[in-house]
Amino acid sequence: MNNMNKLMTTIATAASLAIWSLSATSTSAGEVLDRVLSTKTLTVAVGTDWGKMSYLDDKHELAGSDIDLAKAVADRLGVEIKFVTPGWDVITAGKWEGRWDLSLGQMTPTKARGEKFSFPAIYFFSPGSAAVHSDSNSTELSDLNDKTIGVFASSTFEEYANGTFQPEWIGAKPIEYAFKAGEVKAYASGNINPLDDLRLGDGLRLDAVLWDTLKLQKAIEDGYPLKILPGKLFTAPASIAVLHGDKEFSDKIAEVVDSMRADGALSELTIKWYGADYSVE
C-alpha cells in the first residue's frame, strides 16, 4: 500500500470512529431520564441505619428526611418511588450498573468524588459545632482558646481543632478559625467516646468536643449533660449524587429540587426532621 492509500485509510478509519463515538454519545444521552419516565419508576439508593436521614421504623419500613425527599422528587417527576439499600461503600464505589438512578445520604460533593459522580442538587447543609459540659462557663467559641478539645480521630473536626482543615468540597471557602486549642485529644474508633469523657465534668478531662451539630443534639437528647455553643465551626454541603453521562437526568433532578426550594417544601422537610432549616447555608 502506497503512502497515499495509507493516508486515505487512516482518514476513513478516524471518520468512522468519530461517527461511532457521536452515535454512542447520542444513545447514552438522556438514557436514565428516558428509563425513569418510561418505566414510571425512580430507583433511589438509601441506608437503613443512617439516623434521621433514613432508617427502618417500628413497622420495618423506611423513614427519614432522605426518604421524604426521594418521595417528593418522584412525585414531582410523576413517577413511582423504589428504594434499594446497597450500603455506603457500594454506593460510593460508583459501579451502579443501572441498579439505581440516584443516591441520597447527604453525600459531601468533594472534588475526588466528582471524578465518579455529578452533583445536581445541594439539598442539605451540615454544620459542625462545639459542645461543652452543661456546667461550663463558656458561652462562645472564643472561650475555647487554650482549652483541651476532644475530637474523633481522622475526622475533619480533628483537622479543625489543629488548625489544618482544608475543605475539599466543591466551592469551599477558606476556613476561619474561631479559637486556638491548647491541647487536642483525638479518640480512635473503638476507644472511649470523647463525649463520655466530657460528660464526667467540666474540665476534668476535656473542656469541649467538636462534632457534627445534629449528632451533638442527639447526644443531648440521649441524656448527655452538654450544651452547644452558638456559632458554626463550618458548614458542609450535602448533595444528591448521580453518575456522569446523562445531563438531561441531572438537569431534571436539579430543576425539581430547585422548585422544592422555591416553594418552601425543602425547608419544611428539614424543619420537620431536624427542628431547623438546614436547606440553606
Protein backbone atom coordinates (compact mmCIF):
# COMPACT_ATOMS: atom_id res chain seq x y z
CA MET A 1 0.00 0.00 0.00
CA ASN A 2 1.43 3.35 -1.02
CA ASN A 3 1.55 6.35 1.28
CA MET A 4 -1.49 7.99 -0.29
CA ASN A 5 -3.61 4.87 0.22
CA LYS A 6 -2.39 4.58 3.82
CA LEU A 7 -3.37 8.20 4.44
CA MET A 8 -6.83 7.70 2.94
CA THR A 9 -7.35 4.55 5.02
CA THR A 10 -6.32 6.37 8.20
CA ILE A 11 -8.71 9.24 7.46
CA ALA A 12 -11.56 6.84 6.76
CA THR A 13 -10.93 4.91 9.95
CA ALA A 14 -10.79 8.10 12.02
CA ALA A 15 -14.03 9.31 10.45
CA SER A 16 -15.75 6.01 11.24
CA LEU A 17 -14.60 6.15 14.86
CA ALA A 18 -15.82 9.73 15.16
CA ILE A 19 -19.24 8.78 13.79
CA TRP A 20 -19.44 5.77 16.16
CA SER A 21 -18.44 7.92 19.11
CA LEU A 22 -21.06 10.54 18.28
CA SER A 23 -23.69 7.84 17.90
CA ALA A 24 -22.75 6.24 21.23
CA THR A 25 -22.90 9.59 22.97
CA SER A 26 -26.28 10.38 21.48
CA THR A 27 -27.59 6.97 22.55
CA SER A 28 -26.48 7.37 26.17
CA ALA A 29 -27.63 10.97 26.45
CA GLY A 30 -30.94 11.03 28.27
CA GLU A 31 -30.89 7.27 28.84
CA VAL A 32 -31.52 7.41 32.60
CA LEU A 33 -34.23 10.05 32.33
CA ASP A 34 -35.89 8.14 29.49
CA ARG A 35 -35.86 4.93 31.52
CA VAL A 36 -37.28 6.63 34.62
CA LEU A 37 -40.09 8.24 32.65
CA SER A 38 -40.87 5.16 30.54
CA THR A 39 -40.92 2.73 33.50
CA LYS A 40 -42.61 5.33 35.70
CA THR A 41 -40.14 4.40 38.45
CA LEU A 42 -37.32 6.28 40.15
CA THR A 43 -34.93 3.94 41.97
CA VAL A 44 -33.05 5.54 44.85
CA ALA A 45 -30.21 4.15 46.97
CA VAL A 46 -30.54 4.93 50.70
CA GLY A 47 -29.47 3.47 54.03
CA THR A 48 -31.34 1.58 56.72
CA ASP A 49 -29.41 2.90 59.72
CA TRP A 50 -28.38 6.44 58.81
CA GLY A 51 -30.14 8.21 61.68
CA LYS A 52 -32.79 10.74 60.76
CA MET A 53 -31.70 10.61 57.11
CA SER A 54 -33.02 7.08 56.59
CA TYR A 55 -33.82 4.23 58.94
CA LEU A 56 -36.25 1.35 59.47
CA ASP A 57 -39.16 2.34 61.68
CA ASP A 58 -41.23 0.16 64.03
CA LYS A 59 -43.11 -1.25 61.04
CA HIS A 60 -39.79 -2.14 59.40
CA GLU A 61 -40.47 0.48 56.75
CA LEU A 62 -38.03 3.12 55.54
CA ALA A 63 -38.45 6.56 57.09
CA GLY A 64 -36.40 9.72 57.41
CA SER A 65 -35.61 13.03 55.77
CA ASP A 66 -33.95 11.45 52.74
CA ILE A 67 -36.92 9.13 52.30
CA ASP A 68 -39.32 12.07 52.30
CA LEU A 69 -37.09 13.92 49.83
CA ALA A 70 -36.91 10.95 47.45
CA LYS A 71 -40.69 10.54 47.54
CA ALA A 72 -41.17 14.25 46.82
CA VAL A 73 -38.76 14.15 43.88
CA ALA A 74 -40.52 11.10 42.41
CA ASP A 75 -43.91 12.75 42.90
CA ARG A 76 -42.81 15.88 41.05
CA LEU A 77 -41.43 13.74 38.26
CA GLY A 78 -44.77 11.96 38.05
CA VAL A 79 -43.30 8.52 38.77
CA GLU A 80 -43.33 5.88 41.50
CA ILE A 81 -40.51 5.53 44.02
CA LYS A 82 -38.44 2.39 44.59
CA PHE A 83 -35.77 2.13 47.30
CA VAL A 84 -32.67 -0.06 47.38
CA THR A 85 -30.20 -0.32 50.27
CA PRO A 86 -26.79 -1.32 48.89
CA GLY A 87 -24.56 0.14 51.61
CA TRP A 88 -22.50 3.31 51.60
CA ASP A 89 -19.27 1.66 50.40
CA VAL A 90 -21.08 0.16 47.42
CA ILE A 91 -22.73 3.47 46.57
CA THR A 92 -19.51 5.47 46.71
CA ALA A 93 -17.62 2.89 44.64
CA GLY A 94 -19.60 4.22 41.66
CA LYS A 95 -20.25 0.87 39.96
CA TRP A 96 -24.01 1.16 39.94
CA GLU A 97 -24.60 -0.72 36.67
CA GLY A 98 -28.14 0.59 36.35
CA ARG A 99 -29.31 -0.85 39.68
CA TRP A 100 -30.41 2.58 40.92
CA ASP A 101 -30.74 6.03 39.41
CA LEU A 102 -29.50 8.30 42.17
CA SER A 103 -28.28 8.11 45.74
CA LEU A 104 -29.05 10.04 48.88
CA GLY A 105 -27.25 10.03 52.22
CA GLN A 106 -26.14 13.65 52.40
CA MET A 107 -23.04 12.97 50.31
CA THR A 108 -20.45 15.75 50.52
CA PRO A 109 -19.62 16.78 46.92
CA THR A 110 -15.84 16.65 47.09
CA LYS A 111 -13.56 17.08 44.11
CA ALA A 112 -12.41 13.47 44.43
CA ARG A 113 -15.99 12.17 44.32
CA GLY A 114 -16.61 14.47 41.36
CA GLU A 115 -14.48 12.12 39.27
CA LYS A 116 -17.24 9.50 39.57
CA PHE A 117 -20.39 11.48 40.23
CA SER A 118 -22.33 14.53 39.20
CA PHE A 119 -23.98 16.56 41.95
CA PRO A 120 -27.16 18.06 40.51
CA ALA A 121 -28.63 19.44 43.73
CA ILE A 122 -27.34 20.53 47.12
CA TYR A 123 -30.23 19.82 49.48
CA PHE A 124 -28.71 19.98 52.96
CA PHE A 125 -26.04 21.93 54.79
CA SER A 126 -24.49 20.04 57.69
CA PRO A 127 -22.99 22.30 60.37
CA GLY A 128 -20.26 21.47 62.85
CA SER A 129 -20.36 22.75 66.44
CA ALA A 130 -18.57 22.74 69.75
CA ALA A 131 -20.23 21.28 72.84
CA VAL A 132 -19.19 21.91 76.43
CA HIS A 133 -20.38 20.45 79.71
CA SER A 134 -23.62 21.93 80.94
CA ASP A 135 -21.73 23.30 83.97
CA SER A 136 -19.21 25.14 81.81
CA ASN A 137 -18.91 28.92 81.99
CA SER A 138 -18.06 29.06 78.26
CA THR A 139 -20.68 30.94 76.28
CA GLU A 140 -19.00 31.43 72.90
CA LEU A 141 -16.45 29.72 70.69
CA SER A 142 -13.66 32.15 71.53
CA ASP A 143 -13.88 30.93 75.16
CA LEU A 144 -12.23 27.72 73.97
CA ASN A 145 -8.89 29.41 73.36
CA ASP A 146 -6.10 27.37 75.02
CA LYS A 147 -8.61 24.75 76.20
CA THR A 148 -8.46 20.94 75.88
CA ILE A 149 -10.58 19.83 72.94
CA GLY A 150 -11.82 16.31 72.22
CA VAL A 151 -12.41 15.05 68.69
CA PHE A 152 -12.84 11.80 66.81
CA ALA A 153 -9.54 10.73 65.25
CA SER A 154 -9.02 11.20 61.50
CA SER A 155 -12.04 13.47 61.24
CA THR A 156 -12.45 16.93 59.78
CA PHE A 157 -13.00 18.10 63.34
CA GLU A 158 -9.56 16.89 64.38
CA GLU A 159 -8.11 18.92 61.50
CA TYR A 160 -10.17 21.93 62.53
CA ALA A 161 -9.01 21.69 66.14
CA ASN A 162 -5.39 21.53 64.95
CA GLY A 163 -5.88 24.46 62.55
CA THR A 164 -5.10 22.35 59.47
CA PHE A 165 -8.54 21.80 57.97
CA GLN A 166 -8.75 22.42 54.22
CA PRO A 167 -12.24 21.55 52.97
CA GLU A 168 -12.29 19.55 49.75
CA TRP A 169 -15.89 20.03 48.73
CA ILE A 170 -16.67 21.88 45.52
CA GLY A 171 -16.96 25.64 46.03
CA ALA A 172 -15.49 25.52 49.55
CA LYS A 173 -14.49 28.77 51.18
CA PRO A 174 -11.36 29.19 53.33
CA ILE A 175 -11.91 28.21 56.95
CA GLU A 176 -11.94 30.93 59.58
CA TYR A 177 -10.92 29.53 62.96
CA ALA A 178 -12.93 30.73 65.94
CA PHE A 179 -10.33 29.72 68.53
CA LYS A 180 -6.93 28.10 69.00
CA ALA A 181 -6.92 24.93 71.08
CA GLY A 182 -4.41 24.43 73.86
CA GLU A 183 -4.46 20.64 73.52
CA VAL A 184 -6.27 18.34 71.11
CA LYS A 185 -7.20 14.82 72.22
CA ALA A 186 -8.12 12.52 69.34
CA TYR A 187 -10.22 9.42 70.13
CA ALA A 188 -9.80 6.45 67.81
CA SER A 189 -12.78 4.36 66.79
CA GLY A 190 -13.45 1.61 69.32
CA ASN A 191 -11.98 3.52 72.24
CA ILE A 192 -13.94 5.64 74.68
CA ASN A 193 -16.08 8.29 73.05
CA PRO A 194 -14.91 11.89 73.67
CA LEU A 195 -18.45 12.74 74.76
CA ASP A 196 -18.10 10.18 77.56
CA ASP A 197 -15.02 11.99 78.83
CA LEU A 198 -16.74 15.37 78.58
CA ARG A 199 -19.79 14.18 80.48
CA LEU A 200 -17.58 13.41 83.52
CA GLY A 201 -17.45 17.12 84.26
CA ASP A 202 -16.31 20.49 83.03
CA GLY A 203 -12.56 20.47 82.50
CA LEU A 204 -11.91 17.13 84.21
CA ARG A 205 -10.64 15.52 81.03
CA LEU A 206 -11.98 17.79 78.32
CA ASP A 207 -13.29 21.33 78.01
CA ALA A 208 -15.19 20.76 74.77
CA VAL A 209 -15.92 18.32 71.96
CA LEU A 210 -16.13 19.26 68.29
CA TRP A 211 -18.58 17.25 66.21
CA ASP A 212 -21.50 17.33 63.80
CA THR A 213 -24.21 19.58 65.25
CA LEU A 214 -27.05 17.13 64.73
CA LYS A 215 -25.10 14.32 66.41
CA LEU A 216 -24.36 16.57 69.36
CA GLN A 217 -28.06 17.38 69.61
CA LYS A 218 -28.83 13.65 69.57
CA ALA A 219 -26.34 13.10 72.41
CA ILE A 220 -28.12 15.76 74.46
CA GLU A 221 -31.47 14.09 73.72
CA ASP A 222 -29.93 10.84 74.95
CA GLY A 223 -29.10 12.42 78.29
CA TYR A 224 -25.57 13.75 77.95
CA PRO A 225 -25.13 16.84 80.21
CA LEU A 226 -23.90 19.07 77.42
CA LYS A 227 -24.71 22.39 75.79
CA ILE A 228 -23.84 23.51 72.28
CA LEU A 229 -22.06 26.84 71.96
CA PRO A 230 -23.61 29.29 69.49
CA GLY A 231 -21.93 29.67 66.12
CA LYS A 232 -20.87 27.17 63.46
CA LEU A 233 -17.33 25.86 63.03
CA PHE A 234 -18.05 25.25 59.34
CA THR A 235 -20.91 24.04 57.19
CA ALA A 236 -20.51 21.18 54.72
CA PRO A 237 -22.90 20.89 51.77
CA ALA A 238 -24.71 17.63 51.02
CA SER A 239 -25.89 16.70 47.54
CA ILE A 240 -27.90 14.19 45.59
CA ALA A 241 -25.45 12.08 43.58
CA VAL A 242 -25.87 10.64 40.09
CA LEU A 243 -23.42 9.01 37.72
CA HIS A 244 -21.85 11.01 34.91
CA GLY A 245 -23.28 10.63 31.43
CA ASP A 246 -26.87 11.81 31.48
CA LYS A 247 -27.01 15.59 31.65
CA GLU A 248 -30.75 15.57 30.92
CA PHE A 249 -31.43 13.50 34.02
CA SER A 250 -29.07 15.56 36.15
CA ASP A 251 -30.68 18.79 34.96
CA LYS A 252 -34.15 17.42 35.65
CA ILE A 253 -33.25 16.48 39.22
CA ALA A 254 -31.76 19.95 39.72
CA GLU A 255 -34.95 21.52 38.38
CA VAL A 256 -37.12 19.50 40.76
CA VAL A 257 -35.05 20.32 43.86
CA ASP A 258 -34.90 23.98 42.83
CA SER A 259 -38.70 24.00 42.69
CA MET A 260 -38.85 22.48 46.18
CA ARG A 261 -36.51 25.16 47.48
CA ALA A 262 -38.51 27.92 45.76
CA ASP A 263 -41.89 26.89 47.17
CA GLY A 264 -40.57 26.13 50.66
CA ALA A 265 -41.04 22.35 50.55
CA LEU A 266 -37.33 21.67 51.10
CA SER A 267 -37.22 23.99 54.08
CA GLU A 268 -40.33 22.39 55.59
CA LEU A 269 -38.80 18.94 55.19
CA THR A 270 -35.65 19.74 57.17
CA ILE A 271 -37.62 21.57 59.87
CA LYS A 272 -39.88 18.51 60.21
CA TRP A 273 -36.96 16.17 60.82
CA TYR A 274 -34.33 18.40 62.46
CA GLY A 275 -36.23 21.26 64.04
CA ALA A 276 -34.41 23.88 61.96
CA ASP A 277 -33.93 24.85 58.33
CA TYR A 278 -30.81 23.08 57.04
CA SER A 279 -31.72 23.56 53.39
CA VAL A 280 -29.80 26.86 53.37
CA GLU A 281 -26.24 27.58 54.44
